[in-house]
Amino acid sequence: MRKISRFLSFLCLLGSMVLGSCAEKPSNSSEEKRPNIILINVDDLGWKDLGFMGSDYYETPNLDKFSQEGMIFTNAYAGASNCAPSRANMISGQYGPRHGVYTVSPSDRGNAKTRKLIPTKNIDSLSDSLFTIGEMFHANGYTTGTFGKWHVSEDPTTMGFDVNIGGNHRGNPGKDGYFSPYNIAHIVDGTEGEYLTDRLTAEAIKFVKDNQDGPFFLYLPFYTVHSPLMGKPELVEKFKAKQGSGGQDNAVYAAMVYSMDENVGRLLEVVSSLGLEEETMVIFTSDNGGIRKTSNQYPLRAGKGSYYEGGIRVPMVIKYPGKIQAGQKVDEPVLQMDFFPTLQKVIKADNVNQSLDGQDLSPLLFENKNLAKRDLFWHFPIYLEAYSPKDDQAKDPLFRTRPGSVIRSGKWKLHEYFEDGDLELYNLEEDLNEQNNLVEEYPDKVEELLSKLQDWRSATKAPVPTEKNPEYNADFEAQRKEQVMK
């Protein structure tokens, strides 16, 4: 035994000479392993369209469990009230005036005779000169993949993504698009009748398995629950047999929500089974508010396309086991643009050479500290026509949005509209439904917030449309309002 021991000692010494040491090198405790990041972004999912957010009709058991394991943000906001600008803001980390994506083109939607101003022209794509969140991850050694609706350029692989399944400029899967054969680019058709949400999740799962040694950044922007509303037949029947509640009773939409939840559960189960759960940070959100005629978001006013709370407030949960305390509800207002600087801090990226408009949420997430006080802004120098004039709860029955800007400062929210200089002031703590305009009661607060809003527009070079529309006809507009409300 002693000879064997001496021989092993000799081998160890020899190894030390050749390799520098026979013993295992001590780990550098200061270099913590960088986490995998999964960002799930559902399309048009309303603030109240989940069980843990208060819905009694939709069934979301997987996300309900996920919410208990993470941090829930009750005052989470999208950067814009419809798809493309919201995604552009999140992916660039910048407010709309810095990149020019304000809406899904064109910006002059609705009847020309009812538009008083010539709106700002819209840009369809993020500029290649912008440094995207995908490029940040890619430049820092992450394998990156996007699976689903991209919507801010023709090809996400030119903006930092190694893998792209199903993403280009398209904003929805088109007629019959939720069932294979598909009508979207960058995806091979599956077996006939395959459901798109299932397929995108299967591709995301393959990406996780292929890159389980990490680190990876997985962006999963489902096309669901965007129109056309199409659910699996057996699930549609399930919800047809269920009593609706609180203005939520669309069985097809409920089936789509249920399938989305099932697939989030599938993905998270694979992450867990691979032993990756504790080294993976998962963010769940929606790109904008829900469509009110499809799903009521009460007590929030209006829905997608509007800058009342129903159009911009979204569900958000962030989970990172062992790092973020589970089961917390946070009421501090946050923006999806906060993802960029937060994730920059989490992965210790040091190569972001552009201004970011979001705030690093790390103190709140990991230290339970309050964030520095700030104001939130939205700018929409464009027109969006109404979905359902009698029920949209927008500013007027013809448009979900007319040109204007919004600021939220603490409990106060001020809307400014450019056509006539109209102002609306709401106390969100007392009037979440934005029904009681307090402009006359609080003139000093109006003046303060309007000044802040104007200073912000100046700092971001936000365009304000002022040119009168020669096609505008006041009599025609009045007649149209009367007609649509009959």
Protein backbone atom coordinates (compact mmCIF):
# COMPACT_ATOMS: atom_id res chain seq x y z
CA MET A 1 0.00 0.00 0.00
CA ARG A 2 2.88 2.32 0.92
CA LYS A 3 4.46 1.73 -2.53
CA ILE A 4 1.19 2.54 -4.21
CA SER A 5 0.87 5.69 -2.11
CA ARG A 6 4.39 6.79 -3.05
CA PHE A 7 3.68 6.07 -6.71
CA LEU A 8 0.51 8.19 -6.56
CA SER A 9 2.46 10.97 -4.88
CA PHE A 10 5.01 10.80 -7.69
CA LEU A 11 2.24 11.04 -10.28
CA CYS A 12 0.78 14.03 -8.44
CA LEU A 13 4.17 15.75 -8.42
CA LEU A 14 4.63 15.03 -12.11
CA GLY A 15 1.17 16.40 -12.83
CA SER A 16 1.99 19.51 -10.86
CA MET A 17 5.03 20.12 -13.00
CA VAL A 18 3.15 19.60 -16.25
CA LEU A 19 -0.22 21.19 -15.47
CA GLY A 20 0.72 23.61 -12.73
CA SER A 21 -1.05 21.73 -9.93
CA CYS A 22 -2.28 18.25 -9.06
CA ALA A 23 -5.03 19.64 -6.88
CA GLU A 24 -8.21 21.24 -8.18
CA LYS A 25 -7.87 24.98 -8.60
CA PRO A 26 -9.82 26.96 -6.03
CA SER A 27 -12.93 28.59 -7.43
CA ASN A 28 -13.10 32.35 -7.62
CA SER A 29 -15.94 33.12 -5.26
CA SER A 30 -16.24 36.64 -6.70
CA GLU A 31 -17.14 35.23 -10.12
CA GLU A 32 -20.68 33.99 -9.66
CA LYS A 33 -22.11 31.90 -12.48
CA ARG A 34 -24.22 34.07 -14.75
CA PRO A 35 -27.85 32.97 -14.91
CA ASN A 36 -29.83 31.87 -17.92
CA ILE A 37 -32.59 34.36 -18.76
CA ILE A 38 -36.05 33.48 -20.08
CA LEU A 39 -38.33 36.36 -21.13
CA ILE A 40 -41.92 35.32 -21.95
CA ASN A 41 -43.95 38.04 -23.66
CA VAL A 42 -47.59 37.17 -24.39
CA ASP A 43 -49.38 39.18 -27.10
CA ASP A 44 -52.45 41.26 -26.04
CA LEU A 45 -52.88 39.50 -22.69
CA GLY A 46 -54.80 41.82 -20.39
CA TRP A 47 -53.80 42.84 -16.86
CA LYS A 48 -56.65 40.82 -15.36
CA ASP A 49 -56.61 37.82 -17.72
CA LEU A 50 -54.91 35.45 -15.26
CA GLY A 51 -56.13 33.66 -12.15
CA PHE A 52 -53.56 35.25 -9.85
CA MET A 53 -54.51 38.70 -11.17
CA GLY A 54 -58.17 38.24 -10.26
CA SER A 55 -59.90 36.41 -13.11
CA ASP A 56 -62.53 33.87 -12.09
CA TYR A 57 -63.13 32.67 -15.66
CA TYR A 58 -59.71 32.05 -17.21
CA GLU A 59 -57.77 29.09 -15.86
CA THR A 60 -54.02 29.54 -15.44
CA PRO A 61 -52.82 26.98 -12.85
CA ASN A 62 -49.19 26.96 -14.02
CA LEU A 63 -48.85 30.73 -13.94
CA ASP A 64 -50.71 30.90 -10.63
CA LYS A 65 -48.05 28.57 -9.17
CA PHE A 66 -45.28 30.53 -10.90
CA SER A 67 -46.57 33.78 -9.39
CA GLN A 68 -46.31 32.27 -5.89
CA GLU A 69 -42.67 31.42 -6.60
CA GLY A 70 -41.74 34.87 -7.89
CA MET A 71 -42.37 38.58 -7.41
CA ILE A 72 -45.67 40.00 -8.72
CA PHE A 73 -45.75 43.57 -9.99
CA THR A 74 -49.23 45.07 -9.70
CA ASN A 75 -48.23 48.40 -11.29
CA ALA A 76 -46.28 47.11 -14.29
CA TYR A 77 -46.50 49.05 -17.54
CA ALA A 78 -45.76 48.48 -21.20
CA GLY A 79 -43.89 51.28 -22.94
CA ALA A 80 -46.75 51.68 -25.42
CA SER A 81 -50.34 50.56 -25.81
CA ASN A 82 -49.97 48.38 -28.90
CA CYS A 83 -47.65 45.72 -30.20
CA ALA A 84 -44.78 47.13 -32.27
CA PRO A 85 -43.92 50.24 -30.21
CA SER A 86 -44.15 48.31 -26.95
CA ARG A 87 -41.71 45.70 -28.24
CA ALA A 88 -39.43 48.35 -29.74
CA ASN A 89 -39.22 50.11 -26.38
CA MET A 90 -38.51 46.91 -24.46
CA ILE A 91 -35.94 45.54 -26.91
CA SER A 92 -34.08 48.86 -27.25
CA GLY A 93 -34.52 50.00 -23.65
CA GLN A 94 -35.56 53.40 -24.99
CA TYR A 95 -38.65 55.59 -25.17
CA GLY A 96 -40.38 55.91 -28.54
CA PRO A 97 -39.05 59.38 -29.47
CA ARG A 98 -35.51 57.98 -29.51
CA HIS A 99 -36.26 55.34 -32.17
CA GLY A 100 -39.46 56.57 -33.87
CA VAL A 101 -41.60 53.41 -33.63
CA TYR A 102 -44.92 54.77 -32.33
CA THR A 103 -47.49 52.35 -33.68
CA VAL A 104 -48.17 49.56 -36.15
CA SER A 105 -48.03 51.53 -39.40
CA PRO A 106 -49.51 53.72 -40.68
CA SER A 107 -49.94 56.50 -38.10
CA ASP A 108 -52.96 58.11 -39.81
CA ARG A 109 -55.53 55.42 -39.11
CA GLY A 110 -59.23 56.15 -38.89
CA ASN A 111 -61.32 58.35 -41.19
CA ALA A 112 -59.31 61.35 -42.45
CA LYS A 113 -62.31 63.66 -42.02
CA THR A 114 -62.23 63.02 -38.26
CA ARG A 115 -58.51 63.76 -37.75
CA LYS A 116 -57.71 67.39 -36.93
CA LEU A 117 -53.92 67.04 -37.26
CA ILE A 118 -51.38 65.48 -39.60
CA PRO A 119 -49.82 62.81 -37.35
CA THR A 120 -46.10 62.13 -37.05
CA LYS A 121 -44.92 59.59 -39.60
CA ASN A 122 -44.18 56.21 -38.10
CA ILE A 123 -41.01 54.13 -38.49
CA ASP A 124 -41.59 50.42 -39.05
CA SER A 125 -38.30 48.99 -37.80
CA LEU A 126 -35.70 49.56 -35.15
CA SER A 127 -32.54 50.99 -36.67
CA ASP A 128 -29.57 48.65 -37.09
CA SER A 129 -27.52 51.26 -35.24
CA LEU A 130 -29.41 50.55 -32.01
CA PHE A 131 -27.89 48.11 -29.56
CA THR A 132 -30.68 45.69 -28.69
CA ILE A 133 -31.12 43.56 -25.61
CA GLY A 134 -30.36 40.54 -27.79
CA GLU A 135 -27.06 42.07 -28.86
CA MET A 136 -26.17 42.77 -25.24
CA PHE A 137 -26.59 39.09 -24.36
CA HIS A 138 -24.83 37.91 -27.50
CA ALA A 139 -21.85 40.20 -26.95
CA ASN A 140 -21.50 38.83 -23.44
CA GLY A 141 -21.19 35.18 -24.41
CA TYR A 142 -24.85 34.13 -24.26
CA THR A 143 -26.48 31.89 -26.85
CA THR A 144 -29.64 33.71 -27.89
CA GLY A 145 -32.92 32.54 -29.38
CA THR A 146 -36.30 34.10 -30.16
CA PHE A 147 -39.41 31.99 -30.73
CA GLY A 148 -42.52 33.74 -32.00
CA LYS A 149 -43.61 37.28 -32.79
CA TRP A 150 -40.69 39.66 -33.37
CA HIS A 151 -42.48 42.55 -35.13
CA VAL A 152 -39.76 45.25 -35.00
CA SER A 153 -37.63 44.32 -38.02
CA GLU A 154 -37.53 41.74 -40.76
CA ASP A 155 -34.87 39.52 -39.22
CA PRO A 156 -33.97 39.25 -35.51
CA THR A 157 -30.76 37.40 -36.37
CA THR A 158 -29.31 40.75 -37.44
CA MET A 159 -30.10 42.12 -33.97
CA GLY A 160 -28.30 39.72 -31.70
CA PHE A 161 -30.20 36.42 -31.97
CA ASP A 162 -28.54 33.17 -32.98
CA VAL A 163 -31.84 31.32 -33.46
CA ASN A 164 -35.11 32.66 -34.88
CA ILE A 165 -38.23 30.53 -35.14
CA GLY A 166 -41.35 32.25 -36.49
CA GLY A 167 -40.26 35.87 -36.22
CA ASN A 168 -40.18 38.68 -38.75
CA HIS A 169 -42.20 41.88 -39.32
CA ARG A 170 -45.50 40.07 -39.11
CA GLY A 171 -47.77 41.08 -36.22
CA ASN A 172 -50.19 38.13 -36.20
CA PRO A 173 -50.32 34.63 -37.66
CA GLY A 174 -53.02 35.51 -40.20
CA LYS A 175 -56.18 33.66 -41.13
CA ASP A 176 -56.11 30.09 -39.80
CA GLY A 177 -52.56 30.85 -38.67
CA TYR A 178 -52.73 29.12 -35.28
CA PHE A 179 -52.98 25.70 -36.89
CA SER A 180 -50.45 24.15 -39.24
CA PRO A 181 -49.84 24.70 -42.12
CA TYR A 182 -48.72 28.10 -40.87
CA ASN A 183 -48.72 31.43 -42.62
CA ILE A 184 -45.64 32.94 -40.99
CA ALA A 185 -41.97 33.05 -41.99
CA HIS A 186 -39.01 31.19 -40.48
CA ILE A 187 -40.93 28.14 -39.33
CA VAL A 188 -41.37 24.76 -40.99
CA ASP A 189 -44.95 23.51 -41.07
CA GLY A 190 -45.76 20.78 -38.59
CA THR A 191 -48.26 18.00 -38.91
CA GLU A 192 -51.66 19.20 -40.06
CA GLY A 193 -53.56 20.76 -37.19
CA GLU A 194 -50.53 21.33 -34.97
CA TYR A 195 -51.17 24.32 -32.68
CA LEU A 196 -48.75 27.23 -33.06
CA THR A 197 -48.40 27.90 -29.33
CA ASP A 198 -47.48 24.24 -28.77
CA ARG A 199 -44.95 24.35 -31.59
CA LEU A 200 -43.20 27.54 -30.47
CA THR A 201 -42.87 26.08 -26.98
CA ALA A 202 -41.48 22.82 -28.36
CA GLU A 203 -38.85 24.82 -30.25
CA ALA A 204 -38.03 26.80 -27.10
CA ILE A 205 -37.67 23.57 -25.13
CA LYS A 206 -35.29 22.18 -27.74
CA PHE A 207 -33.24 25.38 -27.45
CA VAL A 208 -33.02 24.96 -23.67
CA LYS A 209 -31.93 21.33 -23.97
CA ASP A 210 -29.37 22.14 -26.65
CA ASN A 211 -27.91 24.95 -24.56
CA GLN A 212 -28.35 23.61 -21.04
CA ASP A 213 -24.66 24.15 -20.29
CA GLY A 214 -25.48 27.85 -20.77
CA PRO A 215 -25.59 30.64 -20.45
CA PHE A 216 -28.56 31.31 -22.72
CA PHE A 217 -31.11 34.06 -23.33
CA LEU A 218 -34.49 32.71 -24.44
CA TYR A 219 -37.05 35.23 -25.70
CA LEU A 220 -40.49 33.62 -26.09
CA PRO A 221 -42.92 36.18 -27.59
CA PHE A 222 -46.00 34.05 -28.21
CA TYR A 223 -48.32 35.13 -31.05
CA THR A 224 -51.18 34.15 -28.79
CA VAL A 225 -53.54 35.64 -27.58
CA HIS A 226 -53.63 38.07 -30.54
CA SER A 227 -56.45 37.79 -33.06
CA PRO A 228 -57.64 35.87 -34.96
CA LEU A 229 -59.10 34.16 -31.92
CA MET A 230 -58.54 30.44 -32.42
CA GLY A 231 -58.40 27.84 -29.68
CA LYS A 232 -58.18 24.08 -29.61
CA PRO A 233 -61.74 22.77 -30.15
CA GLU A 234 -61.81 20.64 -27.01
CA LEU A 235 -60.73 23.61 -24.89
CA VAL A 236 -63.29 25.90 -26.52
CA GLU A 237 -66.00 23.42 -25.54
CA LYS A 238 -64.61 23.27 -22.00
CA PHE A 239 -65.03 27.01 -21.54
CA LYS A 240 -68.37 27.19 -23.34
CA ALA A 241 -69.64 25.06 -20.49
CA LYS A 242 -68.27 27.45 -17.87
CA GLN A 243 -70.12 30.49 -16.54
CA GLY A 244 -68.46 33.78 -17.41
CA SER A 245 -67.61 36.38 -14.78
CA GLY A 246 -66.92 40.11 -14.65
CA GLY A 247 -67.21 40.69 -18.39
CA GLN A 248 -64.93 37.75 -19.17
CA ASP A 249 -66.85 35.05 -21.02
CA ASN A 250 -65.26 34.49 -24.45
CA ALA A 251 -64.71 30.72 -24.63
CA VAL A 252 -62.29 30.87 -27.58
CA TYR A 253 -60.14 33.48 -25.89
CA ALA A 254 -60.23 31.46 -22.66
CA ALA A 255 -59.03 28.41 -24.60
CA MET A 256 -56.10 30.41 -25.96
CA VAL A 257 -55.18 31.64 -22.47
CA TYR A 258 -55.37 28.07 -21.16
CA SER A 259 -53.09 26.75 -23.92
CA MET A 260 -50.59 29.53 -23.25
CA ASP A 261 -50.56 28.61 -19.56
CA GLU A 262 -50.11 24.92 -20.36
CA ASN A 263 -47.11 25.72 -22.51
CA VAL A 264 -45.48 28.00 -19.96
CA GLY A 265 -45.85 25.07 -17.57
CA ARG A 266 -44.23 22.71 -20.10
CA LEU A 267 -41.23 24.99 -20.52
CA LEU A 268 -40.72 25.58 -16.80
CA GLU A 269 -40.99 21.85 -16.09
CA VAL A 270 -38.16 21.14 -18.54
CA VAL A 271 -36.02 23.86 -16.97
CA SER A 272 -36.61 22.19 -13.59
CA SER A 273 -36.01 18.64 -14.82
CA LEU A 274 -32.65 19.67 -16.28
CA GLY A 275 -31.56 21.06 -12.94
CA LEU A 276 -31.53 24.63 -14.26
CA GLU A 277 -34.28 26.19 -12.15
CA GLU A 278 -32.02 27.83 -9.56
CA GLU A 279 -29.70 29.25 -12.20
CA THR A 280 -32.45 30.64 -14.44
CA MET A 281 -34.23 33.98 -14.11
CA VAL A 282 -37.70 33.93 -15.69
CA ILE A 283 -39.71 37.04 -16.59
CA PHE A 284 -43.37 36.80 -17.61
CA THR A 285 -45.35 39.72 -19.06
CA SER A 286 -47.62 40.94 -21.89
CA ASP A 287 -46.80 43.47 -24.59
CA ASN A 288 -49.80 45.74 -23.89
CA GLY A 289 -53.26 45.79 -22.37
CA GLY A 290 -56.01 43.45 -23.50
CA ILE A 291 -58.70 44.22 -26.06
CA ARG A 292 -61.68 45.38 -24.04
CA LYS A 293 -64.37 43.99 -26.35
CA THR A 294 -62.74 40.56 -25.94
CA SER A 295 -61.98 40.67 -22.22
CA ASN A 296 -63.03 43.28 -19.67
CA GLN A 297 -60.19 44.53 -17.46
CA TYR A 298 -62.32 46.26 -14.81
CA PRO A 299 -61.49 48.33 -12.81
CA LEU A 300 -59.06 49.51 -15.50
CA ARG A 301 -60.49 51.81 -18.15
CA ALA A 302 -60.37 50.97 -21.88
CA GLY A 303 -57.89 48.53 -23.44
CA LYS A 304 -55.27 47.97 -26.13
CA GLY A 305 -54.49 51.11 -28.11
CA SER A 306 -55.60 53.46 -25.35
CA TYR A 307 -53.38 55.25 -22.86
CA TYR A 308 -55.84 54.81 -20.06
CA GLU A 309 -54.72 52.12 -17.63
CA GLY A 310 -56.40 49.27 -19.49
CA GLY A 311 -54.20 49.88 -22.52
CA ILE A 312 -50.80 50.08 -20.86
CA ARG A 313 -50.93 48.25 -17.53
CA VAL A 314 -49.80 44.63 -17.90
CA PRO A 315 -49.22 41.51 -15.81
CA MET A 316 -45.61 40.94 -14.73
CA VAL A 317 -43.89 38.32 -12.60
CA ILE A 318 -40.14 37.75 -12.14
CA LYS A 319 -38.76 34.56 -10.62
CA TYR A 320 -35.16 33.77 -9.68
CA PRO A 321 -35.00 31.09 -6.95
CA GLY A 322 -32.70 31.90 -4.07
CA LYS A 323 -32.20 35.45 -5.31
CA ILE A 324 -35.70 36.96 -5.45
CA GLN A 325 -37.93 36.39 -2.44
CA ALA A 326 -40.96 34.37 -3.51
CA GLY A 327 -44.54 35.39 -2.93
CA GLN A 328 -44.07 39.15 -2.85
CA LYS A 329 -46.46 41.68 -4.37
CA VAL A 330 -44.88 44.97 -5.39
CA ASP A 331 -46.95 48.09 -5.98
CA GLU A 332 -44.14 50.35 -7.19
CA PRO A 333 -44.67 51.40 -10.83
CA VAL A 334 -42.22 49.71 -13.21
CA LEU A 335 -41.75 49.71 -16.98
CA GLN A 336 -40.80 46.94 -19.36
CA MET A 337 -37.92 49.19 -20.44
CA ASP A 338 -36.50 48.43 -16.99
CA PHE A 339 -35.64 44.91 -18.20
CA PHE A 340 -32.64 46.13 -20.23
CA PRO A 341 -30.67 47.90 -17.45
CA THR A 342 -31.75 45.28 -14.90
CA LEU A 343 -30.50 42.37 -16.98
CA GLN A 344 -27.38 44.33 -17.85
CA LYS A 345 -26.64 44.44 -14.12
CA VAL A 346 -27.60 40.80 -13.55
CA ILE A 347 -25.18 39.45 -16.18
CA LYS A 348 -22.56 42.15 -15.48
CA ALA A 349 -22.56 43.41 -19.08
CA ASP A 350 -20.27 46.38 -19.57
CA ASN A 351 -20.57 47.06 -23.29
CA VAL A 352 -23.86 48.98 -23.52
CA ASN A 353 -22.90 52.25 -25.16
CA GLN A 354 -26.31 53.85 -25.61
CA SER A 355 -28.62 55.72 -23.27
CA LEU A 356 -31.25 53.58 -21.57
CA ASP A 357 -34.53 55.05 -20.33
CA GLY A 358 -35.39 52.27 -17.91
CA GLN A 359 -34.33 51.86 -14.30
CA ASP A 360 -32.27 49.04 -12.83
CA LEU A 361 -34.67 47.03 -10.67
CA SER A 362 -31.90 45.11 -8.88
CA PRO A 363 -32.27 46.89 -5.52
CA LEU A 364 -35.97 46.05 -5.48
CA LEU A 365 -35.53 42.48 -6.73
CA PHE A 366 -32.57 41.36 -4.67
CA GLU A 367 -32.39 43.69 -1.68
CA ASN A 368 -36.06 44.58 -1.08
CA LYS A 369 -35.17 48.26 -1.33
CA ASN A 370 -37.46 50.93 -2.74
CA LEU A 371 -36.58 52.31 -6.14
CA ALA A 372 -35.51 55.90 -6.62
CA LYS A 373 -38.56 58.07 -7.32
CA ARG A 374 -39.16 58.78 -11.00
CA ASP A 375 -41.85 59.76 -13.44
CA LEU A 376 -43.09 57.53 -16.27
CA PHE A 377 -43.92 58.86 -19.74
CA TRP A 378 -45.80 57.79 -22.86
CA HIS A 379 -45.89 59.62 -26.19
CA PHE A 380 -48.22 58.84 -29.12
CA PRO A 381 -48.25 61.48 -31.89
CA ILE A 382 -50.54 59.26 -33.94
CA TYR A 383 -54.14 58.07 -34.44
CA LEU A 384 -55.64 54.65 -33.72
CA GLU A 385 -59.24 54.05 -34.74
CA ALA A 386 -61.75 52.52 -32.33
CA TYR A 387 -62.41 48.78 -32.09
CA SER A 388 -65.87 48.90 -30.57
CA PRO A 389 -67.09 52.51 -30.32
CA LYS A 390 -69.87 51.89 -27.80
CA ASP A 391 -67.66 49.96 -25.41
CA ASP A 392 -64.03 51.02 -25.82
CA GLN A 393 -64.15 53.56 -22.95
CA ALA A 394 -61.58 55.62 -24.85
CA LYS A 395 -61.51 59.43 -25.03
CA ASP A 396 -64.17 59.44 -27.74
CA PRO A 397 -66.01 56.77 -29.75
CA LEU A 398 -63.99 57.23 -32.96
CA PHE A 399 -60.47 56.63 -31.68
CA ARG A 400 -58.74 54.52 -29.09
CA THR A 401 -55.97 57.10 -29.24
CA ARG A 402 -55.69 60.64 -30.55
CA PRO A 403 -52.28 62.38 -30.57
CA GLY A 404 -50.97 63.23 -27.13
CA SER A 405 -48.66 62.42 -24.22
CA VAL A 406 -49.11 61.01 -20.73
CA ILE A 407 -47.13 61.26 -17.49
CA ARG A 408 -47.53 59.19 -14.33
CA SER A 409 -45.96 60.85 -11.27
CA GLY A 410 -46.61 58.96 -8.05
CA LYS A 411 -50.37 58.58 -7.67
CA TRP A 412 -51.06 61.25 -10.30
CA LYS A 413 -51.58 60.73 -14.03
CA LEU A 414 -51.94 63.54 -16.57
CA HIS A 415 -53.13 63.13 -20.17
CA GLU A 416 -52.41 65.90 -22.69
CA TYR A 417 -54.06 65.85 -26.13
CA PHE A 418 -52.55 67.87 -28.97
CA GLU A 419 -55.61 68.54 -31.13
CA ASP A 420 -57.23 70.98 -28.67
CA GLY A 421 -54.85 71.09 -25.71
CA ASP A 422 -57.29 69.02 -23.65
CA LEU A 423 -55.99 67.86 -20.25
CA GLU A 424 -57.15 65.09 -17.94
CA LEU A 425 -55.82 64.57 -14.41
CA TYR A 426 -56.51 61.44 -12.35
CA ASN A 427 -55.59 60.25 -8.87
CA LEU A 428 -54.94 56.56 -9.50
CA GLU A 429 -54.97 55.68 -5.81
CA GLU A 430 -58.58 56.83 -5.51
CA ASP A 431 -59.77 56.53 -9.10
CA LEU A 432 -58.10 53.62 -10.89
CA ASN A 433 -60.93 53.65 -13.41
CA GLU A 434 -59.94 57.20 -14.53
CA GLN A 435 -63.47 58.56 -14.39
CA ASN A 436 -63.05 61.72 -12.27
CA ASN A 437 -61.06 64.38 -14.14
CA LEU A 438 -59.49 66.62 -11.47
CA VAL A 439 -58.06 69.33 -13.73
CA GLU A 440 -60.26 72.06 -12.22
CA GLU A 441 -59.69 70.97 -8.62
CA TYR A 442 -55.87 70.75 -8.76
CA PRO A 443 -54.53 73.46 -11.12
CA ASP A 444 -51.12 73.54 -9.40
CA LYS A 445 -50.65 69.80 -9.90
CA VAL A 446 -51.68 70.16 -13.54
CA GLU A 447 -49.12 72.91 -14.05
CA GLU A 448 -46.39 70.86 -12.35
CA LEU A 449 -47.02 67.71 -14.38
CA LEU A 450 -47.49 69.55 -17.65
CA SER A 451 -44.15 71.27 -17.14
CA LYS A 452 -42.47 67.91 -16.47
CA LEU A 453 -44.10 66.43 -19.56
CA GLN A 454 -42.94 69.31 -21.75
CA ASP A 455 -39.40 69.11 -20.34
CA TRP A 456 -39.31 65.38 -21.07
CA ARG A 457 -40.47 65.91 -24.65
CA SER A 458 -37.77 68.51 -25.11
CA ALA A 459 -35.08 66.21 -23.68
CA THR A 460 -36.10 63.27 -25.90
CA LYS A 461 -36.80 65.44 -28.96
CA ALA A 462 -40.33 64.05 -29.07
CA PRO A 463 -42.23 65.31 -32.14
CA VAL A 464 -45.51 67.11 -31.49
CA PRO A 465 -47.82 67.29 -34.53
CA THR A 466 -49.16 70.79 -35.14
CA GLU A 467 -50.00 70.87 -38.87
CA LYS A 468 -53.75 71.07 -39.47
CA ASN A 469 -55.32 68.33 -41.56
CA PRO A 470 -57.04 69.98 -44.57
CA GLU A 471 -59.42 67.01 -44.90
CA TYR A 472 -60.85 67.45 -41.41
CA ASN A 473 -64.60 68.18 -41.32
CA ALA A 474 -66.14 69.06 -37.95
CA ASP A 475 -69.71 68.41 -39.11
CA PHE A 476 -68.77 65.01 -40.50
CA GLU A 477 -66.97 64.13 -37.27
CA ALA A 478 -70.02 65.04 -35.17
CA GLN A 479 -72.29 62.98 -37.43
CA ARG A 480 -69.96 59.98 -37.22
CA LYS A 481 -69.88 60.13 -33.44
CA GLU A 482 -73.66 60.22 -33.36
CA GLN A 483 -73.96 57.34 -35.81
CA VAL A 484 -71.56 54.96 -34.07
CA MET A 485 -73.21 55.54 -30.68
CA LYS A 486 -76.74 54.69 -31.90
